[in-house]
Amino acid sequence: MIIIDPVAIGDATCSRSTPATYWDRNGVLRTAGPNELRVTYDPSDLSKPPYALVEPAATNLAIFTEDLGYWSLNGGVVRTLNSMTAPTGSQTADRLDAPGDGAGIYTTFSLEAGQIYTLSAFFEVIPGASNPVIRFGSDSAIGLDGGRDAMVMYFSPFVDGPPPGEYVVASKVEELGDNKYRVFVSFRNVLSAGQVLGVIAYAWSGPASFSMWGFQMVKGTDFSSYIPNPTGSPITRAVDVLGTAPGLLYSNVPEDEPLWVSGNYVKGAKVRDATHVVFEALVDNASGPLTDTSSWLKLGPTNRWAMLDDRNNTQTVANDEIVFVVSPRAISQGVFLGNMDATEVRVSMVDQSFGLVYSEVANQIVSTSGSSFYRWCFNRIRRRSYFLTLKMPVFANPLITIAIRKDGSQAKCGMCMIGPAVDVGLSEYGLSTELKDYSTTTFNVDGTSSTMKRGYSKRMSVDLSVKSELVEGIEEQLISYRQKTVVWIGATFRGDAILCGKYSSFKKVIESYPISKMALQIEGVVS
């Protein structure tokens, strides 16, 4: 049996003094405000799980990054404005249709000699046209003087990036779909210090047709998110700073109830306290503290926090998708989600030093056809009401992002448990479960009855086989779980052998020298 010992989830903080960009679930580049944790998608494959985006500070040295200049050797350039759909979804990028001979788009700035820089830009390449080239040079390089101080980086084929050279350190190409790319090139500046450089995207010969948008030049080898700069001076994206307390860093589910403040409230008004519990005013002019039961009725957690309490029958509900990020501040190999209504679950883990280290996509739809064509067509669709993974890698301070999806309907989740996985022995055959129903039926004198439907819980009885040298440690571990709701996994491949709850008793039997037995009775939470 394996136990997920959940960490306590409270409020966690993320601070960043500036806005920053990320990709939303539709592949559109968005801007998050200051102090807002970014949850980003992979724009080249939106079916992958989203993940928390945490980055160090960086400065975009390029200016007017979305209003670039253009240049032509022979004047035969046709420049079409607003022809490319920019990653933001707006028609703001410039398109260059050129007959060749070095026509292109450029900007200028000053770099330090010997320093490594990373340039990046969004491109849309027209199929069949010459692939762009990126060229560096002195101020006169805008006129393509071909001097020895010029540096040229070729993109042929474009998606493979530039070949290694004496100044190219690294490169990366992100495919965005529809012939759109974001290109990164890290290089060492071999020109003299303080020299004004031109950066040009163009084609040597033949018809050239491409668009360029969102130019960025950052010191160091940096493949980070785009930093817009509509000004004439360098602009900085501040560092993402996470608090040290474990808890919820981000959720797309709002809290509709206002935070309670001292004052008078009308009857029926709903407020929340600092622990995200909702209260309803029972009388007009309710003004006392929320602990005054004559004025306030405790309803339960807010919609955002309903799945983060220790009850299975309180659900978080959102249209299409529930997305949240938890910072457990502990090694957390296990994630359990219960009382769900979803078609898909996506999970990812990010380490602040190593980046994205794990991702998983689980389809919640269960096949009920039994290889029958008739049943495949006409059986009711069945979905798993739970999700479990024990595959999370071992990192001390990870960020875990979970997306619970049900497109076109309401996604629901009643329980979320994240924490270390503890092995307490081998479950033996004979494991049993039963249902305890808390509904009541009242019978009248004439034999009729009325039923009050209430919740239910599961019970599990299981015997464990434990190595004798481990018995004492497992016993101490179980004692520490007294009156604590944890996830009990009798068998990972059977959902009916998994439940959240507390043990009511456990008995240890020393059967032989190498092996001891334990008998556990577990009471599940109310569903």
Protein backbone atom coordinates (compact mmCIF):
# COMPACT_ATOMS: atom_id res chain seq x y z
CA MET A 1 0.00 0.00 0.00
CA ILE A 2 1.14 3.50 -0.83
CA ILE A 3 0.02 6.61 1.02
CA ILE A 4 0.09 10.16 -0.32
CA ASP A 5 0.72 12.38 2.67
CA PRO A 6 -0.71 15.72 1.48
CA VAL A 7 1.00 18.99 2.24
CA ALA A 8 -1.09 21.75 3.80
CA ILE A 9 -2.05 24.22 1.07
CA GLY A 10 -2.55 27.83 2.06
CA ASP A 11 -1.85 31.13 0.34
CA ALA A 12 1.46 31.39 -1.51
CA THR A 13 2.85 34.50 -3.16
CA CYS A 14 4.52 35.45 -6.43
CA SER A 15 5.94 38.93 -6.93
CA ARG A 16 7.26 40.62 -10.06
CA SER A 17 7.39 44.38 -10.37
CA THR A 18 6.75 44.47 -14.14
CA PRO A 19 4.34 42.89 -16.64
CA ALA A 20 5.50 39.80 -18.55
CA THR A 21 4.27 37.72 -21.49
CA TYR A 22 3.00 34.13 -21.76
CA TRP A 23 1.06 31.89 -24.20
CA ASP A 24 -2.60 31.18 -23.43
CA ARG A 25 -4.49 27.94 -24.18
CA ASN A 26 -5.36 29.19 -27.69
CA GLY A 27 -1.74 29.96 -28.64
CA VAL A 28 -2.13 33.73 -28.30
CA LEU A 29 0.60 35.82 -26.69
CA ARG A 30 -0.79 37.54 -23.59
CA THR A 31 0.59 39.90 -20.96
CA ALA A 32 0.30 39.18 -17.24
CA GLY A 33 0.26 42.09 -14.85
CA PRO A 34 2.78 42.69 -12.08
CA ASN A 35 2.80 40.09 -9.28
CA GLU A 36 0.77 37.64 -11.38
CA LEU A 37 2.21 34.16 -11.84
CA ARG A 38 2.23 33.16 -15.49
CA VAL A 39 0.86 29.80 -16.65
CA THR A 40 1.96 29.24 -20.22
CA TYR A 41 1.32 26.73 -23.00
CA ASP A 42 3.60 25.44 -25.72
CA PRO A 43 2.39 27.37 -28.80
CA SER A 44 3.75 24.69 -31.15
CA ASP A 45 1.62 21.98 -29.47
CA LEU A 46 -1.34 23.22 -27.43
CA SER A 47 -2.23 19.63 -26.44
CA LYS A 48 0.72 19.59 -24.04
CA PRO A 49 0.13 20.45 -20.37
CA PRO A 50 0.50 24.09 -19.32
CA TYR A 51 3.26 24.94 -16.89
CA ALA A 52 4.27 27.72 -14.50
CA LEU A 53 6.67 30.22 -16.07
CA VAL A 54 9.25 31.58 -13.64
CA GLU A 55 12.20 33.53 -15.06
CA PRO A 56 15.11 35.70 -13.94
CA ALA A 57 15.27 39.36 -14.82
CA ALA A 58 16.19 40.28 -18.40
CA THR A 59 16.54 43.52 -20.38
CA ASN A 60 15.53 43.92 -24.02
CA LEU A 61 18.18 46.21 -25.52
CA ALA A 62 16.24 46.62 -28.78
CA ILE A 63 13.91 49.61 -29.08
CA PHE A 64 10.56 50.04 -30.82
CA THR A 65 10.47 46.27 -31.20
CA GLU A 66 7.16 46.19 -33.06
CA ASP A 67 7.85 49.13 -35.39
CA LEU A 68 11.02 48.11 -37.24
CA GLY A 69 12.70 49.86 -40.16
CA TYR A 70 13.16 48.50 -43.70
CA TRP A 71 15.93 48.79 -46.25
CA SER A 72 16.64 47.96 -49.92
CA LEU A 73 19.77 47.92 -52.05
CA ASN A 74 18.03 48.84 -55.30
CA GLY A 75 14.87 50.48 -54.00
CA GLY A 76 12.66 47.75 -55.35
CA VAL A 77 11.08 46.89 -52.04
CA VAL A 78 7.36 46.72 -51.45
CA ARG A 79 6.60 46.98 -47.74
CA THR A 80 3.11 45.93 -46.66
CA LEU A 81 2.02 47.08 -43.22
CA ASN A 82 -0.07 44.99 -40.84
CA SER A 83 -0.11 41.92 -43.05
CA MET A 84 1.04 39.34 -40.54
CA THR A 85 -1.14 38.26 -37.66
CA ALA A 86 1.17 38.89 -34.73
CA PRO A 87 1.31 36.33 -31.86
CA THR A 88 -0.94 38.68 -29.88
CA GLY A 89 -3.68 38.10 -32.45
CA SER A 90 -3.51 41.66 -33.77
CA GLN A 91 -2.54 42.75 -37.30
CA THR A 92 0.56 44.69 -36.33
CA ALA A 93 3.56 43.07 -38.00
CA ASP A 94 5.36 44.37 -41.10
CA ARG A 95 5.70 42.27 -44.24
CA LEU A 96 8.51 42.66 -46.75
CA ASP A 97 8.01 41.57 -50.35
CA ALA A 98 11.32 42.11 -52.14
CA PRO A 99 12.80 41.14 -55.53
CA GLY A 100 16.06 40.23 -53.78
CA ASP A 101 19.49 41.88 -53.71
CA GLY A 102 19.54 42.46 -49.98
CA ALA A 103 16.16 43.88 -49.06
CA GLY A 104 15.21 43.50 -45.43
CA ILE A 105 13.99 44.75 -42.05
CA TYR A 106 16.39 46.15 -39.47
CA THR A 107 16.97 47.96 -36.21
CA THR A 108 20.15 49.38 -34.61
CA PHE A 109 21.74 49.43 -31.16
CA SER A 110 25.10 49.33 -29.42
CA LEU A 111 26.75 46.17 -28.01
CA GLU A 112 29.82 45.48 -25.88
CA ALA A 113 32.85 43.81 -27.47
CA GLY A 114 33.32 40.16 -26.50
CA GLN A 115 29.95 39.93 -24.76
CA ILE A 116 27.46 37.12 -25.53
CA TYR A 117 23.99 38.23 -26.62
CA THR A 118 20.81 36.45 -27.67
CA LEU A 119 18.64 37.89 -30.39
CA SER A 120 15.15 36.64 -31.13
CA ALA A 121 12.30 37.62 -33.42
CA PHE A 122 8.98 36.28 -34.65
CA PHE A 123 8.98 35.41 -38.36
CA GLU A 124 6.36 34.42 -40.87
CA VAL A 125 7.96 32.92 -43.96
CA ILE A 126 5.99 32.76 -47.18
CA PRO A 127 6.29 29.24 -48.69
CA GLY A 128 8.49 29.20 -51.81
CA ALA A 129 10.26 32.46 -51.00
CA SER A 130 13.93 32.73 -50.13
CA ASN A 131 14.70 32.01 -46.51
CA PRO A 132 15.77 35.01 -44.42
CA VAL A 133 19.34 35.71 -43.38
CA ILE A 134 20.32 37.64 -40.25
CA ARG A 135 23.29 39.96 -40.67
CA PHE A 136 25.26 42.06 -38.20
CA GLY A 137 27.52 44.91 -39.16
CA SER A 138 28.55 48.50 -38.64
CA ASP A 139 26.23 51.41 -39.31
CA SER A 140 27.14 51.16 -42.98
CA ALA A 141 26.09 47.52 -42.97
CA ILE A 142 22.55 48.80 -43.45
CA GLY A 143 23.86 49.61 -46.92
CA LEU A 144 25.43 46.15 -47.21
CA ASP A 145 28.98 47.41 -47.67
CA GLY A 146 30.28 43.83 -47.28
CA GLY A 147 33.05 45.03 -44.95
CA ARG A 148 35.08 42.68 -42.78
CA ASP A 149 33.29 43.91 -39.67
CA ALA A 150 30.01 42.37 -40.83
CA MET A 151 28.69 39.07 -39.46
CA VAL A 152 26.13 36.99 -41.32
CA MET A 153 23.95 34.15 -40.01
CA TYR A 154 22.16 31.98 -42.55
CA PHE A 155 18.85 30.18 -42.07
CA SER A 156 18.82 27.39 -44.64
CA PRO A 157 16.59 25.56 -44.20
CA PHE A 158 14.96 28.13 -41.95
CA VAL A 159 13.57 25.82 -39.29
CA ASP A 160 16.96 24.22 -38.65
CA GLY A 161 18.48 27.45 -37.43
CA PRO A 162 21.92 28.84 -38.25
CA PRO A 163 25.01 26.64 -38.50
CA PRO A 164 27.68 26.92 -35.78
CA GLY A 165 30.30 29.56 -36.43
CA GLU A 166 33.08 31.36 -34.68
CA TYR A 167 30.60 33.71 -33.02
CA VAL A 168 27.41 31.57 -32.85
CA VAL A 169 27.09 30.06 -29.35
CA ALA A 170 23.64 28.47 -29.51
CA SER A 171 20.39 28.64 -31.46
CA LYS A 172 16.79 27.59 -31.12
CA VAL A 173 13.72 27.70 -33.33
CA GLU A 174 10.19 27.56 -31.91
CA GLU A 175 7.53 26.54 -34.41
CA LEU A 176 4.27 28.43 -33.90
CA GLY A 177 2.29 26.93 -36.79
CA ASP A 178 1.08 28.48 -40.07
CA ASN A 179 4.69 29.08 -41.21
CA LYS A 180 5.34 31.22 -38.15
CA TYR A 181 8.43 30.82 -35.98
CA ARG A 182 10.30 32.43 -33.16
CA VAL A 183 14.04 32.28 -33.83
CA PHE A 184 16.75 32.58 -31.16
CA VAL A 185 20.46 33.03 -31.90
CA SER A 186 23.08 33.42 -29.16
CA PHE A 187 26.35 34.91 -30.42
CA ARG A 188 29.55 36.50 -29.20
CA ASN A 189 30.03 40.05 -30.42
CA VAL A 190 33.40 40.17 -32.24
CA LEU A 191 33.10 43.80 -33.29
CA SER A 192 34.64 46.73 -31.46
CA ALA A 193 33.14 47.99 -28.21
CA GLY A 194 30.38 50.56 -28.40
CA GLN A 195 29.94 50.19 -32.15
CA VAL A 196 26.43 50.82 -33.46
CA LEU A 197 25.18 47.63 -35.09
CA GLY A 198 22.47 46.92 -37.59
CA VAL A 199 20.46 43.70 -37.42
CA ILE A 200 18.89 42.84 -40.74
CA ALA A 201 16.61 40.04 -41.88
CA TYR A 202 16.75 39.74 -45.66
CA ALA A 203 17.48 37.40 -48.58
CA TRP A 204 20.60 37.35 -50.75
CA SER A 205 18.79 36.89 -54.05
CA GLY A 206 15.55 35.71 -55.53
CA PRO A 207 12.08 36.74 -54.35
CA ALA A 208 11.95 37.37 -50.60
CA SER A 209 8.66 37.55 -48.75
CA PHE A 210 8.51 37.37 -44.99
CA SER A 211 7.25 39.23 -41.95
CA MET A 212 9.15 40.09 -38.80
CA TRP A 213 7.74 41.19 -35.44
CA GLY A 214 8.81 41.49 -31.83
CA PHE A 215 12.59 41.84 -32.06
CA GLN A 216 14.55 41.21 -28.86
CA MET A 217 18.23 41.49 -27.90
CA VAL A 218 19.18 40.22 -24.43
CA LYS A 219 22.60 39.95 -22.81
CA GLY A 220 23.75 36.36 -22.24
CA THR A 221 22.45 33.04 -23.56
CA ASP A 222 18.78 33.69 -22.96
CA PHE A 223 15.85 31.85 -24.59
CA SER A 224 13.29 33.53 -22.33
CA SER A 225 9.84 34.99 -22.98
CA TYR A 226 9.29 37.99 -25.22
CA ILE A 227 9.80 41.44 -23.67
CA PRO A 228 7.80 44.06 -25.63
CA ASN A 229 9.47 47.45 -25.92
CA PRO A 230 7.47 50.27 -27.53
CA THR A 231 9.92 52.90 -26.20
CA GLY A 232 13.23 54.35 -27.34
CA SER A 233 15.22 52.97 -24.38
CA PRO A 234 16.00 49.43 -23.16
CA ILE A 235 13.24 47.89 -21.05
CA THR A 236 13.51 45.28 -18.28
CA ARG A 237 11.32 42.36 -17.25
CA ALA A 238 11.75 41.91 -13.49
CA VAL A 239 12.56 38.59 -11.82
CA ASP A 240 9.76 36.29 -10.61
CA VAL A 241 10.12 35.90 -6.84
CA LEU A 242 8.20 33.14 -5.07
CA GLY A 243 7.41 33.17 -1.37
CA THR A 244 8.78 30.49 0.92
CA ALA A 245 5.41 29.31 2.27
CA PRO A 246 3.74 26.28 0.64
CA GLY A 247 0.41 26.92 -0.99
CA LEU A 248 -1.67 27.95 -3.96
CA LEU A 249 0.17 30.30 -6.32
CA TYR A 250 -2.37 30.63 -9.11
CA SER A 251 -5.93 29.68 -10.03
CA ASN A 252 -8.12 30.67 -12.96
CA VAL A 253 -11.22 30.23 -10.76
CA PRO A 254 -12.30 33.57 -9.24
CA GLU A 255 -13.51 34.16 -5.71
CA ASP A 256 -16.83 35.94 -6.18
CA GLU A 257 -17.45 36.76 -2.52
CA PRO A 258 -15.80 39.94 -1.21
CA LEU A 259 -13.49 39.80 1.77
CA TRP A 260 -15.33 40.66 4.97
CA VAL A 261 -14.71 44.09 6.46
CA SER A 262 -16.34 45.69 9.45
CA GLY A 263 -19.70 47.20 8.52
CA ASN A 264 -23.40 46.48 8.04
CA TYR A 265 -24.58 43.78 5.60
CA VAL A 266 -28.07 43.09 4.30
CA LYS A 267 -29.72 39.73 4.89
CA GLY A 268 -28.45 37.16 2.36
CA ALA A 269 -25.15 38.93 1.68
CA LYS A 270 -22.20 36.60 1.27
CA VAL A 271 -18.63 37.36 2.31
CA ARG A 272 -15.45 35.36 2.84
CA ASP A 273 -12.89 35.42 5.59
CA ALA A 274 -9.10 35.31 5.36
CA THR A 275 -9.15 31.50 5.22
CA HIS A 276 -11.42 31.53 2.11
CA VAL A 277 -14.55 30.33 3.94
CA VAL A 278 -17.90 31.81 2.86
CA PHE A 279 -20.47 33.17 5.32
CA GLU A 280 -24.04 34.36 4.68
CA ALA A 281 -25.77 37.12 6.65
CA LEU A 282 -28.84 35.77 8.47
CA VAL A 283 -30.28 39.17 9.46
CA ASP A 284 -30.35 42.69 8.11
CA ASN A 285 -27.60 45.03 9.28
CA ALA A 286 -25.38 42.11 10.21
CA SER A 287 -22.28 43.78 11.57
CA GLY A 288 -20.75 41.54 14.19
CA PRO A 289 -17.76 39.24 13.69
CA LEU A 290 -18.22 36.18 11.51
CA THR A 291 -18.04 33.99 14.61
CA ASP A 292 -21.44 35.39 15.68
CA THR A 293 -23.70 32.45 14.74
CA SER A 294 -26.86 34.48 15.32
CA SER A 295 -25.86 36.82 12.45
CA TRP A 296 -23.76 34.67 10.15
CA LEU A 297 -24.13 31.19 8.68
CA LYS A 298 -20.97 29.33 7.69
CA LEU A 299 -21.46 27.90 4.18
CA GLY A 300 -18.09 26.36 3.33
CA PRO A 301 -15.06 27.14 1.18
CA THR A 302 -15.13 29.48 -1.80
CA ASN A 303 -15.39 27.95 -5.26
CA ARG A 304 -11.64 28.32 -5.81
CA TRP A 305 -10.73 26.54 -2.58
CA ALA A 306 -13.47 23.89 -2.48
CA MET A 307 -11.24 21.17 -3.95
CA LEU A 308 -8.38 22.05 -1.60
CA ASP A 309 -10.13 21.22 1.67
CA ASP A 310 -10.24 17.71 3.18
CA ARG A 311 -13.80 16.97 2.00
CA ASN A 312 -14.72 15.15 -1.18
CA ASN A 313 -18.25 16.59 -1.49
CA THR A 314 -17.19 20.22 -1.93
CA GLN A 315 -16.40 20.79 -5.60
CA THR A 316 -14.60 23.53 -7.50
CA VAL A 317 -16.52 24.26 -10.71
CA ALA A 318 -15.42 26.25 -13.78
CA ASN A 319 -16.43 26.48 -17.42
CA ASP A 320 -14.18 24.46 -19.76
CA GLU A 321 -11.12 24.23 -17.54
CA ILE A 322 -9.80 24.47 -13.99
CA VAL A 323 -6.14 25.51 -13.92
CA PHE A 324 -4.12 25.96 -10.75
CA VAL A 325 -0.49 25.99 -9.60
CA VAL A 326 0.66 24.67 -6.23
CA SER A 327 4.03 25.20 -4.58
CA PRO A 328 4.24 22.32 -2.05
CA ARG A 329 7.75 23.26 -0.84
CA ALA A 330 8.39 19.54 -0.38
CA ILE A 331 9.29 16.48 -2.42
CA SER A 332 5.93 15.51 -3.93
CA GLN A 333 5.79 12.39 -6.08
CA GLY A 334 2.04 11.91 -5.76
CA VAL A 335 -1.03 13.77 -7.02
CA PHE A 336 -4.59 12.60 -6.41
CA LEU A 337 -7.74 14.27 -7.71
CA GLY A 338 -11.14 12.97 -6.60
CA ASN A 339 -14.87 13.48 -7.27
CA MET A 340 -14.09 14.85 -10.72
CA ASP A 341 -16.16 15.48 -13.81
CA ALA A 342 -13.67 16.00 -16.64
CA THR A 343 -12.57 14.58 -19.98
CA GLU A 344 -8.85 15.20 -19.54
CA VAL A 345 -6.28 16.01 -16.88
CA ARG A 346 -2.93 17.63 -17.64
CA VAL A 347 -0.14 17.80 -15.06
CA SER A 348 3.31 19.38 -15.24
CA MET A 349 6.19 20.06 -12.86
CA VAL A 350 8.66 22.92 -13.08
CA ASP A 351 11.88 23.30 -11.13
CA GLN A 352 13.20 26.85 -10.90
CA SER A 353 16.71 25.73 -11.83
CA PHE A 354 15.97 23.04 -14.44
CA GLY A 355 12.73 24.32 -15.97
CA LEU A 356 10.04 21.88 -17.12
CA VAL A 357 10.97 18.45 -15.72
CA TYR A 358 7.73 16.46 -16.05
CA SER A 359 4.42 16.50 -17.93
CA GLU A 360 1.55 14.06 -18.26
CA VAL A 361 -1.79 14.02 -20.09
CA ALA A 362 -4.51 11.59 -18.93
CA ASN A 363 -7.70 10.89 -20.85
CA GLN A 364 -10.52 10.39 -18.34
CA ILE A 365 -12.82 8.57 -20.77
CA VAL A 366 -12.97 4.82 -20.07
CA SER A 367 -13.72 2.32 -22.82
CA THR A 368 -16.89 0.31 -22.11
CA SER A 369 -17.23 -1.39 -25.48
CA GLY A 370 -15.64 -4.71 -24.60
CA SER A 371 -14.62 -5.03 -28.27
CA SER A 372 -18.29 -4.81 -29.27
CA PHE A 373 -19.13 -2.47 -32.13
CA TYR A 374 -22.69 -2.07 -30.85
CA ARG A 375 -21.58 -1.19 -27.32
CA TRP A 376 -18.89 1.15 -28.72
CA CYS A 377 -21.63 3.07 -30.57
CA PHE A 378 -24.46 3.01 -28.01
CA ASN A 379 -23.07 2.44 -24.51
CA ARG A 380 -23.05 5.45 -22.25
CA ILE A 381 -19.76 7.27 -22.05
CA ARG A 382 -18.02 6.58 -18.75
CA ARG A 383 -15.37 8.85 -17.29
CA ARG A 384 -13.02 8.21 -14.41
CA SER A 385 -14.00 10.32 -11.45
CA TYR A 386 -10.44 10.30 -10.11
CA PHE A 387 -6.87 10.89 -11.27
CA LEU A 388 -3.71 9.48 -9.71
CA THR A 389 -0.04 9.76 -10.55
CA LEU A 390 2.97 8.64 -8.53
CA LYS A 391 5.48 9.44 -11.27
CA MET A 392 6.49 12.96 -10.29
CA PRO A 393 10.30 13.33 -10.17
CA VAL A 394 12.08 14.12 -6.93
CA PHE A 395 12.63 17.88 -6.59
CA ALA A 396 12.63 19.76 -3.30
CA ASN A 397 10.75 22.92 -4.33
CA PRO A 398 8.76 22.19 -7.48
CA LEU A 399 5.84 24.09 -8.99
CA ILE A 400 3.02 21.72 -9.95
CA THR A 401 0.48 22.89 -12.53
CA ILE A 402 -2.78 20.97 -12.98
CA ALA A 403 -5.37 21.58 -15.70
CA ILE A 404 -8.74 19.77 -15.41
CA ARG A 405 -10.55 20.10 -18.73
CA LYS A 406 -14.09 19.58 -19.99
CA ASP A 407 -14.42 21.77 -23.05
CA GLY A 408 -17.92 23.04 -23.73
CA SER A 409 -19.18 22.17 -20.26
CA GLN A 410 -18.30 22.56 -16.59
CA ALA A 411 -15.15 20.96 -15.22
CA LYS A 412 -15.48 19.86 -11.59
CA CYS A 413 -13.10 18.61 -8.90
CA GLY A 414 -13.86 17.79 -5.28
CA MET A 415 -10.48 16.78 -3.89
CA CYS A 416 -6.85 17.62 -4.58
CA MET A 417 -4.08 15.94 -2.60
CA ILE A 418 -0.40 16.60 -3.39
CA GLY A 419 2.53 15.33 -1.38
CA PRO A 420 5.20 12.69 -0.75
CA ALA A 421 4.44 9.04 -1.49
CA VAL A 422 5.03 6.66 1.43
CA ASP A 423 5.24 2.88 0.97
CA VAL A 424 3.82 1.07 4.03
CA GLY A 425 3.90 -2.52 2.77
CA LEU A 426 2.43 -4.90 0.24
CA SER A 427 -1.37 -5.11 0.03
CA GLU A 428 -2.60 -8.67 0.15
CA TYR A 429 -5.45 -10.22 -1.80
CA GLY A 430 -8.65 -10.12 0.20
CA LEU A 431 -8.79 -6.31 0.27
CA SER A 432 -12.44 -5.29 0.64
CA THR A 433 -14.45 -2.10 0.37
CA GLU A 434 -18.00 -1.24 1.40
CA LEU A 435 -20.33 1.74 1.24
CA LYS A 436 -21.73 3.63 4.20
CA ASP A 437 -24.80 5.68 3.25
CA TYR A 438 -25.82 8.58 5.51
CA SER A 439 -29.29 8.92 3.95
CA THR A 440 -32.29 8.26 6.20
CA THR A 441 -35.75 6.87 5.47
CA THR A 442 -38.76 7.66 7.65
CA PHE A 443 -41.77 5.27 7.58
CA ASN A 444 -45.33 6.43 8.18
CA VAL A 445 -48.06 4.40 9.93
CA ASP A 446 -49.64 3.46 6.61
CA GLY A 447 -46.39 1.99 5.29
CA THR A 448 -45.41 4.91 3.05
CA SER A 449 -41.98 6.41 3.50
CA SER A 450 -39.94 9.48 2.75
CA THR A 451 -36.19 9.49 2.19
CA MET A 452 -33.70 12.24 2.93
CA LYS A 453 -30.79 11.70 0.55
CA ARG A 454 -27.42 12.58 2.05
CA GLY A 455 -23.80 11.82 1.33
CA TYR A 456 -21.96 8.54 1.58
CA SER A 457 -18.48 7.31 2.33
CA LYS A 458 -16.38 4.26 1.51
CA ARG A 459 -14.69 1.93 3.94
CA MET A 460 -11.71 -0.24 3.16
CA SER A 461 -10.28 -3.23 5.01
CA VAL A 462 -6.83 -4.35 3.95
CA ASP A 463 -4.10 -6.62 5.25
CA LEU A 464 -0.47 -5.66 4.65
CA SER A 465 2.64 -7.78 4.42
CA VAL A 466 5.59 -5.89 5.88
CA LYS A 467 9.25 -6.79 6.30
CA SER A 468 9.95 -7.13 9.99
CA GLU A 469 12.85 -4.67 9.99
CA LEU A 470 10.46 -2.00 8.66
CA VAL A 471 7.55 -2.60 11.02
CA GLU A 472 8.57 -0.15 13.74
CA GLY A 473 9.12 2.69 11.27
CA ILE A 474 5.80 2.05 9.50
CA GLU A 475 3.98 1.87 12.83
CA GLU A 476 5.41 5.26 13.84
CA GLN A 477 4.44 6.64 10.43
CA LEU A 478 0.85 5.44 10.83
CA ILE A 479 0.65 6.87 14.33
CA SER A 480 1.59 10.27 12.89
CA TYR A 481 -1.44 10.00 10.55
CA ARG A 482 -3.95 9.83 13.43
CA GLN A 483 -7.04 11.90 12.51
CA LYS A 484 -5.37 13.13 9.35
CA THR A 485 -6.96 12.74 5.91
CA VAL A 486 -4.50 11.08 3.53
CA VAL A 487 -4.78 9.11 0.28
CA TRP A 488 -4.74 5.32 0.76
CA ILE A 489 -3.79 3.40 -2.39
CA GLY A 490 -4.48 -0.29 -1.99
CA ALA A 491 -3.70 -0.98 -5.66
CA THR A 492 -2.57 1.60 -8.21
CA PHE A 493 -4.32 -0.19 -11.09
CA ARG A 494 -7.75 -0.30 -9.38
CA GLY A 495 -9.59 2.93 -8.74
CA ASP A 496 -12.01 1.20 -6.36
CA ALA A 497 -9.06 0.41 -4.06
CA ILE A 498 -8.14 4.11 -3.65
CA LEU A 499 -9.78 6.42 -1.15
CA CYS A 500 -9.17 9.55 0.91
CA GLY A 501 -9.79 9.24 4.60
CA LYS A 502 -8.52 8.34 8.04
CA TYR A 503 -7.79 4.97 9.54
CA SER A 504 -10.03 3.92 12.39
CA SER A 505 -7.71 1.14 13.56
CA PHE A 506 -4.66 -0.84 12.62
CA LYS A 507 -3.40 -4.07 14.16
CA LYS A 508 0.10 -5.47 13.94
CA VAL A 509 0.73 -9.22 13.97
CA ILE A 510 4.27 -10.64 14.17
CA GLU A 511 3.73 -13.75 12.08
CA SER A 512 7.31 -14.83 11.42
CA TYR A 513 10.84 -13.49 11.55
CA PRO A 514 11.12 -12.04 8.03
CA ILE A 515 7.49 -10.95 7.59
CA SER A 516 4.93 -9.24 9.79
CA LYS A 517 1.28 -8.48 9.08
CA MET A 518 -0.82 -5.38 9.59
CA ALA A 519 -4.61 -5.08 9.39
CA LEU A 520 -6.03 -1.65 8.55
CA GLN A 521 -9.58 -0.32 8.75
CA ILE A 522 -9.94 2.95 6.80
CA GLU A 523 -12.90 5.35 6.84
CA GLY A 524 -13.27 7.44 3.69
CA VAL A 525 -14.42 11.06 3.65
CA VAL A 526 -18.02 11.89 2.77
CA SER A 527 -18.84 12.17 -0.93
